[in-house]
Every structure is written in C-alpha cells, then in structure tokens.
Amino acid sequence: MRRDLDAPLADAPLPAALTLLPFDIDTARLCRELMNHVYADGFGDSAVAFDAWWTWVTTDADYAPELMFVAAEQGRVVGFCHCWRDGFIKDLVVDRAWRKRGLGAALLTMALAASTARGIPFVDLKTDIDNATAQSLYRHLGFRIVERVG
C-alpha cells in the first residue's frame, strides 16, 4: 500500500496515557518482545531472536533511530512503528489492549510526518491480504493499494 505525502496529514495524537521512548538497545529489546508477542497472533514474522534482529536493523543503510517510534504505558512498550529512511514502513505493532484506541494511527502519522520532513514523496508498506483491520487503518490514513502479491 502507498500513501502519497503531498496530501495533508490528519491529526492523530498519541493517547494521553502514553509516552514516547527513544529507540536505543534497551527499548529495542522491548520492541522485539512486543513484535514476537503480537505476531504470534497470526500476522507478521515468526519469533525472531533479539540479537539477530538488532544486528539486521542497525546495520541496514536505511536505519535511522529517529524514525523508530515507540509508545509506552508506564515504561511498558505497547506500540512500535519501524520506518526506514527511504519511506518504507517495515513494522507497525500495537499491543492487543491498545488496539482501536488511536495508537496505531498516531504512530503511523508520526512516521508519515517524519518522512514528509525528509522530502520523501510517498510511503509504502506491506500488509497481509487477510488483515482487514490493518488495511482499514491504512485506508483511513490515506493509503491505497498499489500491488497485490500472493
């Protein structure tokens, strides 16, 4: 799916109970735990060991820690959006307890705003064809289908 960045972004504030955390090795470990937990529900990658994932992420030429958006509730990571420098959203994960409360939209909007500020013309992401909930969120934020695979 693709979101052209010449259109204005909707307001999507971070829910009041949450704070943003910087993306460092300690926070990244919590993000990977959340990803493994969320993806065990059926959509996304299978469980990945932290050390392998951390090396893969931080050695990629498109890695920029300022493009990793992490939301926490009292220090517990409940949402994570991983955006590459080229404007590709690699992952958007939200803890089940925080779904349908605006967190996914807030994190994704932060990534869109950061990409816009970098002069990126559009942002792409991939989602499972059967993940209607994610597709609905993405369409709501202005994404459109540009290619179907599988």
N, C-alpha and C. Protein backbone atom coordinates (compact mmCIF):
# COMPACT_ATOMS: atom_id res chain seq x y z
N MET A 1 0.86 -1.16 0.00
CA MET A 1 0.00 0.00 0.00
C MET A 1 0.91 1.23 0.00
N ARG A 2 0.37 2.32 -0.50
CA ARG A 2 1.16 3.55 -0.63
C ARG A 2 0.35 4.75 -0.15
N ARG A 3 1.06 5.68 0.50
CA ARG A 3 0.47 6.95 0.92
C ARG A 3 1.32 8.06 0.32
N ASP A 4 0.73 8.80 -0.64
CA ASP A 4 1.42 9.97 -1.19
C ASP A 4 1.49 11.03 -0.10
N LEU A 5 2.62 11.70 0.01
CA LEU A 5 2.82 12.65 1.10
C LEU A 5 2.56 14.10 0.70
N ASP A 6 2.00 14.31 -0.49
CA ASP A 6 1.64 15.67 -0.86
C ASP A 6 0.27 16.05 -0.28
N ALA A 7 -0.50 15.09 0.17
CA ALA A 7 -1.79 15.36 0.81
C ALA A 7 -1.56 15.64 2.30
N PRO A 8 -2.39 16.51 2.89
CA PRO A 8 -2.21 16.82 4.31
C PRO A 8 -2.44 15.59 5.19
N LEU A 9 -1.78 15.59 6.34
CA LEU A 9 -1.94 14.51 7.30
C LEU A 9 -3.06 14.84 8.28
N ALA A 10 -3.86 13.85 8.61
CA ALA A 10 -4.89 14.03 9.62
C ALA A 10 -4.24 14.11 10.99
N ASP A 11 -4.91 14.77 11.91
CA ASP A 11 -4.42 14.85 13.28
C ASP A 11 -4.66 13.50 13.95
N ALA A 12 -3.64 12.92 14.52
CA ALA A 12 -3.74 11.63 15.21
C ALA A 12 -2.85 11.67 16.44
N PRO A 13 -3.34 12.29 17.52
CA PRO A 13 -2.50 12.44 18.71
C PRO A 13 -2.26 11.11 19.42
N LEU A 14 -1.14 11.04 20.09
CA LEU A 14 -0.82 9.89 20.92
C LEU A 14 -1.81 9.86 22.08
N PRO A 15 -2.42 8.72 22.39
CA PRO A 15 -3.33 8.66 23.54
C PRO A 15 -2.66 9.21 24.80
N ALA A 16 -3.44 9.91 25.61
CA ALA A 16 -2.91 10.67 26.75
C ALA A 16 -2.15 9.83 27.76
N ALA A 17 -2.49 8.57 27.93
CA ALA A 17 -1.83 7.73 28.94
C ALA A 17 -0.45 7.26 28.51
N LEU A 18 -0.06 7.57 27.27
CA LEU A 18 1.18 7.03 26.72
C LEU A 18 2.25 8.09 26.57
N THR A 19 3.50 7.63 26.56
CA THR A 19 4.65 8.49 26.31
C THR A 19 5.49 7.86 25.20
N LEU A 20 6.29 8.69 24.56
CA LEU A 20 7.23 8.20 23.55
C LEU A 20 8.57 7.91 24.22
N LEU A 21 9.18 6.82 23.79
CA LEU A 21 10.51 6.46 24.29
C LEU A 21 11.52 6.58 23.16
N PRO A 22 12.76 6.93 23.49
CA PRO A 22 13.80 6.93 22.46
C PRO A 22 14.11 5.49 22.06
N PHE A 23 14.52 5.31 20.82
CA PHE A 23 14.86 3.98 20.33
C PHE A 23 16.34 3.74 20.58
N ASP A 24 16.63 2.94 21.60
CA ASP A 24 18.00 2.54 21.90
C ASP A 24 17.98 1.03 22.11
N ILE A 25 19.11 0.45 22.47
CA ILE A 25 19.17 -1.01 22.56
C ILE A 25 18.21 -1.57 23.62
N ASP A 26 18.02 -0.85 24.71
CA ASP A 26 17.12 -1.34 25.76
C ASP A 26 15.66 -1.29 25.30
N THR A 27 15.28 -0.17 24.70
CA THR A 27 13.92 -0.05 24.18
C THR A 27 13.70 -1.01 23.03
N ALA A 28 14.71 -1.17 22.20
CA ALA A 28 14.60 -2.09 21.06
C ALA A 28 14.31 -3.51 21.52
N ARG A 29 14.92 -3.91 22.60
CA ARG A 29 14.67 -5.26 23.13
C ARG A 29 13.18 -5.41 23.49
N LEU A 30 12.60 -4.38 24.10
CA LEU A 30 11.18 -4.41 24.44
C LEU A 30 10.30 -4.39 23.19
N CYS A 31 10.75 -3.66 22.18
CA CYS A 31 10.01 -3.63 20.91
C CYS A 31 9.99 -5.01 20.26
N ARG A 32 11.14 -5.68 20.26
CA ARG A 32 11.20 -7.03 19.65
C ARG A 32 10.31 -8.00 20.41
N GLU A 33 10.28 -7.89 21.75
CA GLU A 33 9.39 -8.74 22.55
C GLU A 33 7.94 -8.50 22.17
N LEU A 34 7.56 -7.23 22.02
CA LEU A 34 6.19 -6.91 21.61
C LEU A 34 5.91 -7.48 20.23
N MET A 35 6.84 -7.31 19.30
CA MET A 35 6.64 -7.84 17.95
C MET A 35 6.45 -9.35 17.97
N ASN A 36 7.29 -10.06 18.71
CA ASN A 36 7.16 -11.51 18.78
C ASN A 36 5.81 -11.91 19.36
N HIS A 37 5.37 -11.19 20.39
CA HIS A 37 4.08 -11.48 21.02
C HIS A 37 2.91 -11.19 20.06
N VAL A 38 2.92 -10.02 19.45
CA VAL A 38 1.83 -9.63 18.55
C VAL A 38 1.80 -10.52 17.31
N TYR A 39 2.95 -10.78 16.73
CA TYR A 39 2.98 -11.58 15.50
C TYR A 39 2.62 -13.04 15.75
N ALA A 40 2.70 -13.49 16.99
CA ALA A 40 2.26 -14.86 17.30
C ALA A 40 0.76 -15.01 17.10
N ASP A 41 0.03 -13.89 17.06
CA ASP A 41 -1.42 -13.92 16.82
C ASP A 41 -1.78 -14.26 15.38
N GLY A 42 -0.81 -14.30 14.49
CA GLY A 42 -1.10 -14.76 13.14
C GLY A 42 -0.65 -13.90 11.99
N PHE A 43 -0.40 -12.62 12.19
CA PHE A 43 0.05 -11.76 11.10
C PHE A 43 1.46 -11.28 11.40
N GLY A 44 2.32 -11.32 10.41
CA GLY A 44 3.68 -10.84 10.59
C GLY A 44 4.68 -11.97 10.67
N ASP A 45 5.92 -11.61 10.95
CA ASP A 45 7.02 -12.57 11.02
C ASP A 45 6.86 -13.50 12.21
N SER A 46 7.49 -14.65 12.13
CA SER A 46 7.55 -15.53 13.29
C SER A 46 8.54 -14.93 14.29
N ALA A 47 8.61 -15.54 15.46
CA ALA A 47 9.50 -15.03 16.50
C ALA A 47 10.94 -14.97 15.99
N VAL A 48 11.58 -13.85 16.29
CA VAL A 48 12.97 -13.62 15.88
C VAL A 48 13.78 -13.29 17.13
N ALA A 49 14.95 -13.88 17.24
CA ALA A 49 15.84 -13.60 18.37
C ALA A 49 16.29 -12.14 18.30
N PHE A 50 16.37 -11.51 19.47
CA PHE A 50 16.72 -10.09 19.51
C PHE A 50 18.06 -9.79 18.86
N ASP A 51 19.11 -10.52 19.20
CA ASP A 51 20.45 -10.19 18.70
C ASP A 51 20.51 -10.21 17.18
N ALA A 52 19.89 -11.18 16.56
CA ALA A 52 19.88 -11.25 15.09
C ALA A 52 19.10 -10.07 14.51
N TRP A 53 17.95 -9.76 15.10
CA TRP A 53 17.13 -8.65 14.62
C TRP A 53 17.85 -7.32 14.80
N TRP A 54 18.44 -7.10 15.97
CA TRP A 54 19.14 -5.85 16.27
C TRP A 54 20.27 -5.62 15.27
N THR A 55 21.05 -6.65 15.00
CA THR A 55 22.13 -6.54 14.02
C THR A 55 21.58 -6.21 12.65
N TRP A 56 20.52 -6.90 12.24
CA TRP A 56 19.92 -6.66 10.93
C TRP A 56 19.42 -5.21 10.82
N VAL A 57 18.71 -4.74 11.85
CA VAL A 57 18.15 -3.38 11.81
C VAL A 57 19.26 -2.34 11.78
N THR A 58 20.18 -2.40 12.71
CA THR A 58 21.16 -1.33 12.89
C THR A 58 22.27 -1.31 11.85
N THR A 59 22.42 -2.37 11.08
CA THR A 59 23.43 -2.37 10.01
C THR A 59 22.82 -2.07 8.64
N ASP A 60 21.52 -1.91 8.58
CA ASP A 60 20.88 -1.58 7.31
C ASP A 60 21.16 -0.12 6.95
N ALA A 61 21.46 0.14 5.70
CA ALA A 61 21.77 1.51 5.26
C ALA A 61 20.60 2.47 5.46
N ASP A 62 19.37 1.96 5.52
CA ASP A 62 18.19 2.80 5.70
C ASP A 62 17.79 2.99 7.16
N TYR A 63 18.59 2.48 8.09
CA TYR A 63 18.27 2.60 9.51
C TYR A 63 18.54 4.02 10.01
N ALA A 64 17.58 4.54 10.75
CA ALA A 64 17.74 5.82 11.44
C ALA A 64 16.93 5.73 12.73
N PRO A 65 17.58 5.79 13.89
CA PRO A 65 16.84 5.61 15.15
C PRO A 65 15.73 6.64 15.34
N GLU A 66 15.88 7.82 14.76
CA GLU A 66 14.84 8.84 14.90
C GLU A 66 13.58 8.49 14.11
N LEU A 67 13.63 7.46 13.29
CA LEU A 67 12.45 7.02 12.54
C LEU A 67 11.80 5.78 13.16
N MET A 68 12.19 5.48 14.38
CA MET A 68 11.60 4.39 15.15
C MET A 68 10.74 5.03 16.24
N PHE A 69 9.46 4.80 16.17
CA PHE A 69 8.52 5.46 17.09
C PHE A 69 8.00 4.42 18.08
N VAL A 70 8.24 4.67 19.36
CA VAL A 70 7.95 3.70 20.42
C VAL A 70 7.03 4.36 21.45
N ALA A 71 5.88 3.73 21.69
CA ALA A 71 4.93 4.23 22.69
C ALA A 71 4.92 3.29 23.88
N ALA A 72 4.87 3.89 25.07
CA ALA A 72 4.89 3.09 26.29
C ALA A 72 3.84 3.59 27.27
N GLU A 73 3.34 2.64 28.04
CA GLU A 73 2.44 2.94 29.15
C GLU A 73 3.18 2.58 30.42
N GLN A 74 3.54 3.58 31.21
CA GLN A 74 4.29 3.37 32.45
C GLN A 74 5.52 2.49 32.23
N GLY A 75 6.26 2.79 31.16
CA GLY A 75 7.50 2.09 30.86
C GLY A 75 7.36 0.80 30.08
N ARG A 76 6.13 0.31 29.89
CA ARG A 76 5.90 -0.93 29.14
C ARG A 76 5.58 -0.58 27.69
N VAL A 77 6.37 -1.09 26.75
CA VAL A 77 6.16 -0.79 25.33
C VAL A 77 4.85 -1.42 24.87
N VAL A 78 3.97 -0.58 24.30
CA VAL A 78 2.66 -1.05 23.82
C VAL A 78 2.46 -0.78 22.34
N GLY A 79 3.39 -0.07 21.71
CA GLY A 79 3.29 0.19 20.28
C GLY A 79 4.64 0.57 19.71
N PHE A 80 4.83 0.19 18.44
CA PHE A 80 6.11 0.43 17.78
C PHE A 80 5.89 0.56 16.28
N CYS A 81 6.45 1.61 15.70
CA CYS A 81 6.44 1.80 14.25
C CYS A 81 7.88 1.93 13.77
N HIS A 82 8.26 1.04 12.88
CA HIS A 82 9.62 0.98 12.34
C HIS A 82 9.58 1.50 10.90
N CYS A 83 10.20 2.64 10.69
CA CYS A 83 10.23 3.27 9.36
C CYS A 83 11.68 3.37 8.90
N TRP A 84 11.92 3.03 7.66
CA TRP A 84 13.25 3.18 7.06
C TRP A 84 13.42 4.58 6.48
N ARG A 85 14.64 4.98 6.23
CA ARG A 85 14.95 6.30 5.64
C ARG A 85 14.30 6.49 4.27
N ASP A 86 14.12 5.41 3.52
CA ASP A 86 13.55 5.53 2.17
C ASP A 86 12.03 5.65 2.17
N GLY A 87 11.42 5.70 3.37
CA GLY A 87 9.97 5.87 3.44
C GLY A 87 9.19 4.57 3.47
N PHE A 88 9.85 3.47 3.74
CA PHE A 88 9.15 2.19 3.83
C PHE A 88 8.85 1.90 5.30
N ILE A 89 7.59 1.59 5.59
CA ILE A 89 7.20 1.20 6.94
C ILE A 89 7.41 -0.31 7.04
N LYS A 90 8.39 -0.71 7.82
CA LYS A 90 8.70 -2.14 7.96
C LYS A 90 7.74 -2.83 8.90
N ASP A 91 7.44 -2.19 10.02
CA ASP A 91 6.56 -2.80 11.02
C ASP A 91 5.72 -1.74 11.71
N LEU A 92 4.49 -2.11 12.00
CA LEU A 92 3.62 -1.34 12.89
C LEU A 92 2.96 -2.38 13.79
N VAL A 93 3.29 -2.35 15.06
CA VAL A 93 2.72 -3.31 16.00
C VAL A 93 2.12 -2.57 17.19
N VAL A 94 0.95 -3.04 17.59
CA VAL A 94 0.24 -2.45 18.72
C VAL A 94 -0.24 -3.58 19.62
N ASP A 95 0.04 -3.46 20.90
CA ASP A 95 -0.42 -4.43 21.88
C ASP A 95 -1.95 -4.56 21.78
N ARG A 96 -2.43 -5.78 21.92
CA ARG A 96 -3.86 -6.05 21.78
C ARG A 96 -4.72 -5.12 22.66
N ALA A 97 -4.28 -4.82 23.87
CA ALA A 97 -5.04 -3.96 24.78
C ALA A 97 -5.16 -2.52 24.28
N TRP A 98 -4.29 -2.13 23.36
CA TRP A 98 -4.30 -0.75 22.86
C TRP A 98 -4.86 -0.63 21.44
N ARG A 99 -5.35 -1.69 20.87
CA ARG A 99 -5.90 -1.63 19.51
C ARG A 99 -7.24 -0.90 19.51
N LYS A 100 -7.50 -0.22 18.40
CA LYS A 100 -8.73 0.55 18.19
C LYS A 100 -8.88 1.69 19.19
N ARG A 101 -7.75 2.23 19.64
CA ARG A 101 -7.75 3.36 20.57
C ARG A 101 -6.92 4.52 20.04
N GLY A 102 -6.53 4.45 18.77
CA GLY A 102 -5.81 5.55 18.14
C GLY A 102 -4.30 5.45 18.16
N LEU A 103 -3.76 4.43 18.81
CA LEU A 103 -2.31 4.33 18.91
C LEU A 103 -1.66 4.02 17.57
N GLY A 104 -2.20 3.07 16.83
CA GLY A 104 -1.63 2.74 15.52
C GLY A 104 -1.63 3.95 14.60
N ALA A 105 -2.76 4.67 14.58
CA ALA A 105 -2.85 5.87 13.75
C ALA A 105 -1.84 6.93 14.18
N ALA A 106 -1.66 7.10 15.49
CA ALA A 106 -0.71 8.09 15.99
C ALA A 106 0.72 7.75 15.58
N LEU A 107 1.12 6.50 15.78
CA LEU A 107 2.48 6.09 15.43
C LEU A 107 2.73 6.20 13.93
N LEU A 108 1.77 5.74 13.15
CA LEU A 108 1.94 5.80 11.70
C LEU A 108 1.96 7.24 11.21
N THR A 109 1.16 8.10 11.81
CA THR A 109 1.16 9.52 11.42
C THR A 109 2.50 10.17 11.76
N MET A 110 3.11 9.78 12.87
CA MET A 110 4.45 10.29 13.19
C MET A 110 5.45 9.89 12.12
N ALA A 111 5.37 8.65 11.66
CA ALA A 111 6.28 8.19 10.60
C ALA A 111 6.02 8.93 9.30
N LEU A 112 4.76 9.18 8.99
CA LEU A 112 4.42 9.93 7.77
C LEU A 112 4.95 11.36 7.86
N ALA A 113 4.78 11.99 9.02
CA ALA A 113 5.27 13.37 9.19
C ALA A 113 6.79 13.43 9.09
N ALA A 114 7.47 12.46 9.68
CA ALA A 114 8.94 12.43 9.61
C ALA A 114 9.41 12.23 8.18
N SER A 115 8.72 11.37 7.44
CA SER A 115 9.07 11.14 6.03
C SER A 115 8.82 12.39 5.20
N THR A 116 7.71 13.07 5.47
CA THR A 116 7.41 14.32 4.77
C THR A 116 8.52 15.34 5.03
N ALA A 117 8.94 15.47 6.28
CA ALA A 117 10.00 16.42 6.65
C ALA A 117 11.32 16.10 5.95
N ARG A 118 11.53 14.85 5.61
CA ARG A 118 12.75 14.42 4.91
C ARG A 118 12.63 14.58 3.40
N GLY A 119 11.46 15.03 2.92
CA GLY A 119 11.28 15.23 1.49
C GLY A 119 10.93 13.96 0.72
N ILE A 120 10.53 12.92 1.43
CA ILE A 120 10.13 11.67 0.79
C ILE A 120 8.78 11.91 0.11
N PRO A 121 8.60 11.52 -1.16
CA PRO A 121 7.33 11.80 -1.85
C PRO A 121 6.18 10.87 -1.47
N PHE A 122 6.50 9.66 -1.01
CA PHE A 122 5.44 8.71 -0.62
C PHE A 122 6.02 7.68 0.34
N VAL A 123 5.13 7.04 1.06
CA VAL A 123 5.50 5.98 2.00
C VAL A 123 4.79 4.71 1.56
N ASP A 124 5.52 3.61 1.58
CA ASP A 124 4.97 2.30 1.24
C ASP A 124 4.98 1.41 2.47
N LEU A 125 4.10 0.43 2.47
CA LEU A 125 4.10 -0.63 3.47
C LEU A 125 3.47 -1.86 2.86
N LYS A 126 3.70 -2.97 3.51
CA LYS A 126 3.07 -4.23 3.10
C LYS A 126 2.19 -4.70 4.24
N THR A 127 1.09 -5.35 3.88
CA THR A 127 0.23 -5.95 4.89
C THR A 127 -0.35 -7.23 4.34
N ASP A 128 -0.69 -8.11 5.25
CA ASP A 128 -1.29 -9.38 4.85
C ASP A 128 -2.64 -9.12 4.19
N ILE A 129 -2.91 -9.81 3.11
CA ILE A 129 -4.15 -9.61 2.37
C ILE A 129 -5.38 -9.93 3.22
N ASP A 130 -5.21 -10.78 4.24
CA ASP A 130 -6.32 -11.16 5.11
C ASP A 130 -6.44 -10.29 6.36
N ASN A 131 -5.55 -9.32 6.54
CA ASN A 131 -5.57 -8.48 7.73
C ASN A 131 -6.45 -7.25 7.48
N ALA A 132 -7.76 -7.47 7.56
CA ALA A 132 -8.73 -6.41 7.25
C ALA A 132 -8.62 -5.24 8.22
N THR A 133 -8.31 -5.51 9.48
CA THR A 133 -8.19 -4.44 10.46
C THR A 133 -7.06 -3.48 10.09
N ALA A 134 -5.90 -4.03 9.75
CA ALA A 134 -4.77 -3.18 9.36
C ALA A 134 -5.09 -2.43 8.08
N GLN A 135 -5.67 -3.11 7.10
CA GLN A 135 -5.99 -2.45 5.84
C GLN A 135 -6.96 -1.30 6.06
N SER A 136 -7.91 -1.47 6.96
CA SER A 136 -8.86 -0.40 7.25
C SER A 136 -8.15 0.82 7.84
N LEU A 137 -7.23 0.59 8.77
CA LEU A 137 -6.45 1.69 9.35
C LEU A 137 -5.66 2.40 8.26
N TYR A 138 -4.99 1.65 7.42
CA TYR A 138 -4.15 2.25 6.39
C TYR A 138 -4.99 3.05 5.40
N ARG A 139 -6.13 2.53 5.00
CA ARG A 139 -7.01 3.28 4.09
C ARG A 139 -7.50 4.56 4.75
N HIS A 140 -7.84 4.47 6.04
CA HIS A 140 -8.30 5.64 6.79
C HIS A 140 -7.24 6.75 6.79
N LEU A 141 -5.98 6.36 6.78
CA LEU A 141 -4.88 7.34 6.80
C LEU A 141 -4.41 7.73 5.40
N GLY A 142 -5.13 7.28 4.37
CA GLY A 142 -4.84 7.73 3.01
C GLY A 142 -4.02 6.78 2.17
N PHE A 143 -3.74 5.59 2.65
CA PHE A 143 -3.02 4.61 1.85
C PHE A 143 -3.95 3.99 0.82
N ARG A 144 -3.37 3.58 -0.28
CA ARG A 144 -4.14 2.89 -1.33
C ARG A 144 -3.33 1.68 -1.78
N ILE A 145 -4.03 0.71 -2.28
CA ILE A 145 -3.36 -0.50 -2.78
C ILE A 145 -2.69 -0.18 -4.10
N VAL A 146 -1.42 -0.51 -4.21
CA VAL A 146 -0.69 -0.32 -5.47
C VAL A 146 -0.25 -1.65 -6.07
N GLU A 147 -0.24 -2.69 -5.26
CA GLU A 147 0.17 -4.00 -5.77
C GLU A 147 -0.32 -5.08 -4.81
N ARG A 148 -0.78 -6.17 -5.38
CA ARG A 148 -1.15 -7.35 -4.57
C ARG A 148 -0.18 -8.46 -4.92
N VAL A 149 0.35 -9.09 -3.89
CA VAL A 149 1.29 -10.20 -4.08
C VAL A 149 0.75 -11.40 -3.33
N GLY A 150 0.79 -12.55 -3.96
CA GLY A 150 0.37 -13.79 -3.29
C GLY A 150 -1.05 -13.98 -3.32
